[in-house]
Amino acid sequence: MQRLLALGFVLLLASQAMAQQKPQYTQYSNNNYLLNPAISGIENYADLKLGTRQQWSGLEGAPQTYYATFHMPINKDMTASYRGGRMGSAAKEETTKKPNRYRRIRPHHGIGAMAASTKTGPLKRGSLSFSYAYHQPLTKSLRVAAGVAPGLIQYSLDPGTVNTAQGNDPAIYDGRVNETKFDLNMGLWLYSYNFYVGVSGAQLVPSKRKYINDGTPQGSDGSLQQHYFATAAYRFDVMSGLAVIPSVMVKMAQPSPVSFDVSGKVLYADRIWAGAAYRHNESITAMAGMNISHLFDLAYSYDASTSPLGQANAGSHEVVLGFKLRNTRRIICPEWAW
C-alpha cells in the first residue's frame, strides 16, 4: 500500500510539473555544462559526457534520465595554460601549485550541444539544445564567459498506459499533453586557477500551453517554469598531489521553494576523487570517480533520500562517462572544470 501511495505521489508531481521542472542531477559539479551554457569550450579539448540517472530506484514509474553533452573550444590558444601546460606528463607537484609565470591569453569561443530524455511513468520529456559561449580574459589569471543555449523541449504521454475513471478524459486526450516548446538558457561564468562562480537561467521563455475551449479548468497554464542557478567552488591545493574542493549550488524556480546543494570532494594526484553532498530536505550523497586516462573518465554517485518518500525507494543512482576528444596535450584532469 505504501508503494502504491508513493507511486501515486510521483505521478501527481510529474503531471503537474511535466512542462515545468528540469531534470535533477547530482553530478552537476562534474559537468556544469548541464546548468550553464557559458561552460562551452572551457577546456583545451572537446568534452563529451554520457550520463544516466535512475531516481528513487525500486519505485515503479520513478524518473529515469539519460543525457549526452558535447562542447569544444574554437580559436583557443592550446599552448597557454595557468597550470603549467604539460598536464599529460607533468609531475604531480607541477599540477597542484600555482604557476609563477603567465602568457598573454587571447579570447576564444565555445560551441556545444545537449540531448536529454526523462521518463516518469507514462510521461516523457525530451530536449535538444545548442550552445555558444565567448571567453574573455580579465587579468592574467582571471576569465569570464557568457553563453546562450536555445533549444526545443518535447513533452508526451502514452494514453495506453493510463487508466481513467471515464473514457476520453479531456485531461489526457485534449491534445495539450503532447507538445513541443521553445527553450532558452543563458549564463555567466567567472573562473580562475582555483575558483569559479556561475549564474544561469533556464527555460527563460514561458511557452504557455495551448488552450482548448472544452470547458476544462485552466488554473494551470502549463508554462515552462523558469529556473535560476548560482554555483561556486574553490580548489584548495593543501599539499603536493592533494586538493580539497568544496562547492555549493542554489536553485530558484518559483513557485517551488529555494533549494541548495552543498558538496565537497578530495582529489588525489589529479586522478582519483571521492566526496559527499547534501541536498536540503531531500538527500545525502556519496560519490567517487577516476580520471582513467587522457581519453576518458568515470564517476558514480548514490543518493540516500531523507524525505518521506525515502521509505518507499532504495535511493538514486547516477553514472557519468566522460571522453576527452582532440586532447592533443594529453590532459588527464580537467584544468577548469575540476
Protein backbone atom coordinates (compact mmCIF):
# COMPACT_ATOMS: atom_id res chain seq x y z
CA MET A 1 0.00 0.00 0.00
CA GLN A 2 2.83 2.37 0.87
CA ARG A 3 4.47 1.69 -2.50
CA LEU A 4 1.21 2.42 -4.34
CA LEU A 5 0.79 5.69 -2.48
CA ALA A 6 4.36 6.66 -3.30
CA LEU A 7 3.81 5.87 -6.98
CA GLY A 8 0.66 8.00 -6.97
CA PHE A 9 2.66 10.83 -5.42
CA VAL A 10 5.34 10.54 -8.12
CA LEU A 11 2.80 10.62 -10.95
CA LEU A 12 0.95 13.54 -9.35
CA LEU A 13 4.14 15.58 -9.18
CA ALA A 14 5.07 14.59 -12.70
CA SER A 15 1.71 15.53 -14.18
CA GLN A 16 1.85 18.94 -12.53
CA ALA A 17 5.48 19.67 -13.39
CA MET A 18 5.98 17.83 -16.69
CA ALA A 19 6.07 21.10 -18.61
CA GLN A 20 7.80 22.97 -15.81
CA GLN A 21 10.65 21.31 -13.95
CA LYS A 22 14.04 20.45 -15.40
CA PRO A 23 15.57 17.05 -14.64
CA GLN A 24 17.61 16.85 -11.45
CA TYR A 25 21.31 15.96 -11.43
CA THR A 26 23.62 15.10 -8.56
CA GLN A 27 26.90 15.27 -10.50
CA TYR A 28 26.39 18.76 -11.89
CA SER A 29 29.74 19.73 -10.34
CA ASN A 30 31.46 17.27 -12.70
CA ASN A 31 29.53 18.63 -15.68
CA ASN A 32 28.44 22.22 -15.04
CA TYR A 33 27.51 22.44 -18.70
CA LEU A 34 24.22 20.79 -17.64
CA LEU A 35 23.26 24.02 -15.85
CA ASN A 36 25.25 26.76 -17.57
CA PRO A 37 25.95 27.17 -21.33
CA ALA A 38 28.84 29.56 -20.56
CA ILE A 39 30.94 26.43 -19.88
CA SER A 40 31.00 25.72 -23.63
CA GLY A 41 34.61 25.31 -24.78
CA ILE A 42 36.18 25.97 -21.38
CA GLU A 43 38.76 23.17 -21.67
CA ASN A 44 41.55 22.61 -24.19
CA TYR A 45 39.80 19.61 -25.72
CA ALA A 46 36.36 18.54 -26.93
CA ASP A 47 34.38 17.30 -23.94
CA LEU A 48 31.82 14.51 -24.44
CA LYS A 49 29.85 13.14 -21.50
CA LEU A 50 27.23 10.40 -21.40
CA GLY A 51 25.15 10.14 -18.23
CA THR A 52 22.19 8.36 -16.71
CA ARG A 53 20.24 8.96 -13.52
CA GLN A 54 17.91 6.36 -12.03
CA GLN A 55 15.97 8.27 -9.40
CA TRP A 56 14.18 6.56 -6.50
CA SER A 57 15.19 3.08 -7.64
CA GLY A 58 12.79 0.30 -6.76
CA LEU A 59 9.77 2.59 -7.11
CA GLU A 60 7.64 1.77 -10.15
CA GLY A 61 7.33 4.71 -12.54
CA ALA A 62 10.16 6.70 -10.92
CA PRO A 63 12.09 9.17 -13.12
CA GLN A 64 14.79 7.77 -15.42
CA THR A 65 17.05 10.25 -17.21
CA TYR A 66 19.61 9.77 -19.99
CA TYR A 67 21.70 12.56 -21.47
CA ALA A 68 24.64 13.39 -23.71
CA THR A 69 26.57 16.66 -23.67
CA PHE A 70 29.30 17.86 -26.01
CA HIS A 71 31.24 21.12 -26.14
CA MET A 72 34.55 22.28 -27.57
CA PRO A 73 36.67 25.45 -27.90
CA ILE A 74 37.16 27.43 -31.10
CA ASN A 75 40.24 29.58 -31.79
CA LYS A 76 41.69 28.82 -28.37
CA ASP A 77 45.43 29.04 -27.74
CA MET A 78 46.09 25.46 -26.67
CA THR A 79 49.64 26.23 -25.56
CA ALA A 80 48.58 28.77 -22.94
CA SER A 81 47.75 27.45 -19.50
CA TYR A 82 47.60 28.77 -15.96
CA ARG A 83 48.70 25.36 -14.69
CA GLY A 84 51.96 24.59 -16.40
CA GLY A 85 50.82 23.44 -19.85
CA ARG A 86 52.02 19.82 -19.58
CA MET A 87 49.09 18.16 -17.85
CA GLY A 88 49.57 14.79 -19.51
CA SER A 89 53.16 14.28 -18.41
CA ALA A 90 53.79 16.81 -15.65
CA ALA A 91 54.91 15.69 -12.24
CA LYS A 92 52.25 15.72 -9.53
CA GLU A 93 53.74 18.74 -7.79
CA GLU A 94 53.58 20.73 -11.05
CA THR A 95 49.85 20.16 -11.44
CA THR A 96 48.92 21.19 -7.91
CA LYS A 97 50.62 24.52 -7.49
CA LYS A 98 50.11 27.98 -8.95
CA PRO A 99 52.36 28.86 -11.87
CA ASN A 100 54.98 31.57 -11.43
CA ARG A 101 54.73 32.97 -14.95
CA TYR A 102 51.92 33.61 -17.42
CA ARG A 103 51.47 34.12 -21.10
CA ARG A 104 49.10 36.61 -22.64
CA ILE A 105 45.77 34.86 -23.08
CA ARG A 106 43.56 35.64 -26.05
CA PRO A 107 39.74 35.45 -26.05
CA HIS A 108 38.18 32.36 -27.54
CA HIS A 109 34.79 30.90 -28.42
CA GLY A 110 33.00 27.70 -27.50
CA ILE A 111 30.17 25.70 -29.01
CA GLY A 112 28.21 22.72 -27.72
CA ALA A 113 25.06 20.63 -27.75
CA MET A 114 22.99 18.66 -25.26
CA ALA A 115 20.32 15.99 -25.69
CA ALA A 116 18.35 14.53 -22.78
CA SER A 117 15.38 12.27 -22.20
CA THR A 118 13.44 11.70 -18.98
CA LYS A 119 10.66 9.15 -18.46
CA THR A 120 8.38 9.26 -15.41
CA GLY A 121 5.68 6.62 -15.56
CA PRO A 122 3.68 7.33 -18.74
CA LEU A 123 5.21 10.81 -19.11
CA LYS A 124 8.23 11.64 -21.27
CA ARG A 125 10.33 14.78 -21.62
CA GLY A 126 12.89 15.11 -24.37
CA SER A 127 15.14 18.10 -25.04
CA LEU A 128 17.75 19.20 -27.55
CA SER A 129 19.78 22.42 -27.35
CA PHE A 130 22.83 24.04 -28.94
CA SER A 131 25.11 26.49 -27.17
CA TYR A 132 27.61 29.25 -27.87
CA ALA A 133 29.96 30.94 -25.39
CA TYR A 134 32.55 33.70 -25.50
CA HIS A 135 35.51 33.56 -23.08
CA GLN A 136 37.20 36.88 -22.29
CA PRO A 137 40.39 37.22 -20.18
CA LEU A 138 40.06 39.93 -17.50
CA THR A 139 43.53 39.64 -16.00
CA LYS A 140 46.47 37.27 -16.36
CA SER A 141 44.71 34.74 -14.14
CA LEU A 142 41.01 35.52 -14.44
CA ARG A 143 38.48 34.93 -17.21
CA VAL A 144 34.76 35.48 -17.70
CA ALA A 145 32.48 33.64 -20.11
CA ALA A 146 28.96 34.36 -21.33
CA GLY A 147 26.84 31.72 -23.02
CA VAL A 148 23.45 31.14 -24.59
CA ALA A 149 21.71 27.88 -25.47
CA PRO A 150 18.45 27.88 -27.48
CA GLY A 151 16.64 24.59 -27.97
CA LEU A 152 13.42 22.61 -28.03
CA ILE A 153 11.60 20.61 -25.37
CA GLN A 154 9.06 17.93 -26.26
CA TYR A 155 6.51 16.50 -23.83
CA SER A 156 4.46 13.39 -24.45
CA LEU A 157 2.17 10.99 -22.65
CA ASP A 158 1.28 7.43 -23.64
CA PRO A 159 -2.53 7.22 -23.17
CA GLY A 160 -2.41 3.45 -23.46
CA THR A 161 -0.66 3.20 -20.09
CA VAL A 162 -3.18 5.38 -18.23
CA ASN A 163 -6.49 4.18 -16.79
CA THR A 164 -9.06 6.94 -16.22
CA ALA A 165 -12.37 6.98 -14.40
CA GLN A 166 -14.13 7.98 -17.61
CA GLY A 167 -13.26 7.34 -21.22
CA ASN A 168 -11.73 10.08 -23.34
CA ASP A 169 -10.76 12.14 -20.32
CA PRO A 170 -10.00 15.63 -21.72
CA ALA A 171 -7.04 15.98 -19.36
CA ILE A 172 -5.30 13.27 -21.44
CA TYR A 173 -6.90 13.39 -24.88
CA ASP A 174 -7.31 17.15 -25.46
CA GLY A 175 -4.01 17.40 -27.35
CA ARG A 176 -2.25 19.66 -24.87
CA VAL A 177 -0.12 16.98 -23.25
CA ASN A 178 1.91 16.23 -26.38
CA GLU A 179 3.65 19.49 -27.21
CA THR A 180 6.95 20.89 -28.42
CA LYS A 181 8.14 24.15 -26.88
CA PHE A 182 11.00 26.56 -27.45
CA ASP A 183 13.62 26.69 -24.71
CA LEU A 184 16.25 29.31 -23.89
CA ASN A 185 19.13 29.08 -21.41
CA MET A 186 21.71 31.77 -20.62
CA GLY A 187 24.63 32.01 -18.23
CA LEU A 188 27.76 33.75 -16.97
CA TRP A 189 30.89 32.03 -15.64
CA LEU A 190 33.78 33.72 -13.80
CA TYR A 191 36.77 31.43 -13.33
CA SER A 192 40.43 31.27 -12.46
CA TYR A 193 43.04 28.71 -11.41
CA ASN A 194 41.42 27.85 -8.09
CA PHE A 195 37.78 29.01 -8.14
CA TYR A 196 34.68 29.55 -10.22
CA VAL A 197 31.39 31.39 -9.77
CA GLY A 198 28.48 31.00 -12.14
CA VAL A 199 24.91 32.22 -12.57
CA SER A 200 22.45 30.95 -15.15
CA GLY A 201 18.81 30.86 -16.14
CA ALA A 202 16.93 28.03 -17.83
CA GLN A 203 13.55 27.79 -19.55
CA LEU A 204 13.53 31.57 -19.78
CA VAL A 205 10.77 31.63 -22.43
CA PRO A 206 7.46 30.76 -20.66
CA SER A 207 5.93 28.96 -23.71
CA LYS A 208 2.46 28.69 -22.23
CA ARG A 209 0.39 25.70 -23.26
CA LYS A 210 -2.35 25.97 -25.84
CA TYR A 211 -5.89 26.32 -24.54
CA ILE A 212 -8.68 24.22 -26.00
CA ASN A 213 -12.18 25.58 -25.48
CA ASP A 214 -13.72 22.48 -23.95
CA GLY A 215 -14.74 23.82 -20.57
CA THR A 216 -11.82 22.23 -18.73
CA PRO A 217 -10.26 24.10 -15.79
CA GLN A 218 -7.49 26.49 -16.68
CA GLY A 219 -5.98 27.01 -13.23
CA SER A 220 -2.58 25.87 -14.52
CA ASP A 221 -1.42 27.15 -17.88
CA GLY A 222 1.40 24.58 -18.12
CA SER A 223 4.02 27.23 -18.88
CA LEU A 224 7.68 26.38 -18.54
CA GLN A 225 8.91 27.08 -15.04
CA GLN A 226 11.86 29.45 -15.12
CA HIS A 227 14.92 28.17 -13.25
CA TYR A 228 17.82 30.20 -11.87
CA PHE A 229 21.07 28.67 -10.65
CA ALA A 230 24.01 30.08 -8.71
CA THR A 231 27.08 27.87 -8.37
CA ALA A 232 30.50 28.34 -6.80
CA ALA A 233 33.53 26.24 -5.88
CA TYR A 234 37.04 26.74 -4.57
CA ARG A 235 40.04 24.45 -5.02
CA PHE A 236 42.40 24.22 -2.04
CA ASP A 237 45.71 22.61 -3.02
CA VAL A 238 46.58 21.51 0.51
CA MET A 239 49.76 19.66 -0.42
CA SER A 240 51.56 18.11 -3.37
CA GLY A 241 49.12 15.85 -5.18
CA LEU A 242 46.15 16.54 -2.88
CA ALA A 243 43.31 19.04 -3.35
CA VAL A 244 40.08 19.68 -1.43
CA ILE A 245 37.17 21.20 -3.38
CA PRO A 246 34.04 22.46 -1.59
CA SER A 247 31.15 23.68 -3.77
CA VAL A 248 27.60 24.99 -3.45
CA MET A 249 24.61 25.32 -5.76
CA VAL A 250 21.43 27.32 -5.12
CA LYS A 251 18.36 26.78 -7.31
CA MET A 252 15.37 29.09 -7.53
CA ALA A 253 12.30 28.03 -9.52
CA GLN A 254 9.16 29.87 -8.43
CA PRO A 255 6.70 28.89 -7.09
CA SER A 256 8.82 26.00 -5.82
CA PRO A 257 10.83 26.72 -2.66
CA VAL A 258 14.50 27.69 -2.95
CA SER A 259 16.78 24.65 -2.71
CA PHE A 260 20.51 24.30 -2.23
CA ASP A 261 23.21 21.65 -2.53
CA VAL A 262 26.46 21.64 -0.55
CA SER A 263 29.21 19.25 -1.57
CA GLY A 264 32.89 18.58 -1.11
CA LYS A 265 35.40 16.24 -2.66
CA VAL A 266 39.02 15.26 -2.24
CA LEU A 267 41.13 14.90 -5.38
CA TYR A 268 44.32 12.84 -5.25
CA ALA A 269 47.07 13.13 -7.89
CA ASP A 270 44.54 14.68 -10.30
CA ARG A 271 43.28 11.14 -10.95
CA ILE A 272 41.12 9.77 -8.13
CA TRP A 273 38.44 11.65 -6.19
CA ALA A 274 35.74 10.95 -3.63
CA GLY A 275 33.19 13.20 -1.98
CA ALA A 276 29.84 13.74 -0.31
CA ALA A 277 26.92 16.11 -0.79
CA TYR A 278 23.76 17.25 0.95
CA ARG A 279 20.58 18.42 -0.79
CA HIS A 280 18.33 20.38 1.58
CA ASN A 281 15.35 18.35 2.80
CA GLU A 282 15.91 15.74 0.11
CA SER A 283 19.04 13.58 0.17
CA ILE A 284 22.60 12.89 1.21
CA THR A 285 25.07 11.65 -1.38
CA ALA A 286 28.26 9.61 -1.62
CA MET A 287 30.20 9.90 -4.89
CA ALA A 288 33.52 8.89 -6.39
CA GLY A 289 35.30 8.95 -9.71
CA MET A 290 38.53 8.42 -11.61
CA ASN A 291 40.30 10.25 -14.43
CA ILE A 292 41.35 6.98 -16.00
CA SER A 293 43.47 8.43 -18.80
CA HIS A 294 43.71 11.35 -21.16
CA LEU A 295 40.91 9.70 -23.15
CA PHE A 296 38.14 9.09 -20.65
CA ASP A 297 36.94 9.28 -17.04
CA LEU A 298 34.19 7.68 -14.97
CA ALA A 299 32.09 8.83 -11.99
CA TYR A 300 29.32 7.34 -9.84
CA SER A 301 27.06 8.74 -7.13
CA TYR A 302 24.42 7.33 -4.81
CA ASP A 303 21.71 9.46 -3.18
CA ALA A 304 20.02 8.29 0.01
CA SER A 305 16.69 10.07 0.34
CA THR A 306 15.96 11.99 3.53
CA SER A 307 12.40 12.95 2.51
CA PRO A 308 9.26 10.96 3.45
CA LEU A 309 9.39 9.35 0.00
CA GLY A 310 12.65 7.70 1.02
CA GLN A 311 10.73 4.98 2.88
CA ALA A 312 9.43 3.63 -0.45
CA ASN A 313 12.61 3.62 -2.56
CA ALA A 314 16.18 2.35 -2.48
CA GLY A 315 17.90 5.61 -3.35
CA SER A 316 19.06 7.20 -6.60
CA HIS A 317 21.99 6.21 -8.81
CA GLU A 318 23.88 8.35 -11.31
CA VAL A 319 26.70 7.31 -13.64
CA VAL A 320 28.71 9.64 -15.90
CA LEU A 321 31.21 8.52 -18.53
CA GLY A 322 33.40 11.26 -19.98
CA PHE A 323 35.53 11.35 -23.13
CA LYS A 324 38.29 13.87 -23.88
CA LEU A 325 38.39 14.19 -27.66
CA ARG A 326 41.08 16.00 -29.66
CA ASN A 327 43.12 16.04 -26.46
CA THR A 328 46.46 16.80 -28.11
CA ARG A 329 48.04 17.92 -24.82
CA ARG A 330 47.02 14.61 -23.20
CA ILE A 331 45.34 16.37 -20.29
CA ILE A 332 44.21 13.89 -17.64
CA CYS A 333 42.42 16.11 -15.11
CA PRO A 334 40.23 18.98 -16.38
CA GLU A 335 42.04 22.27 -15.82
CA TRP A 336 38.95 24.42 -15.21
CA ALA A 337 36.01 22.08 -14.54
CA TRP A 338 37.59 20.02 -11.80
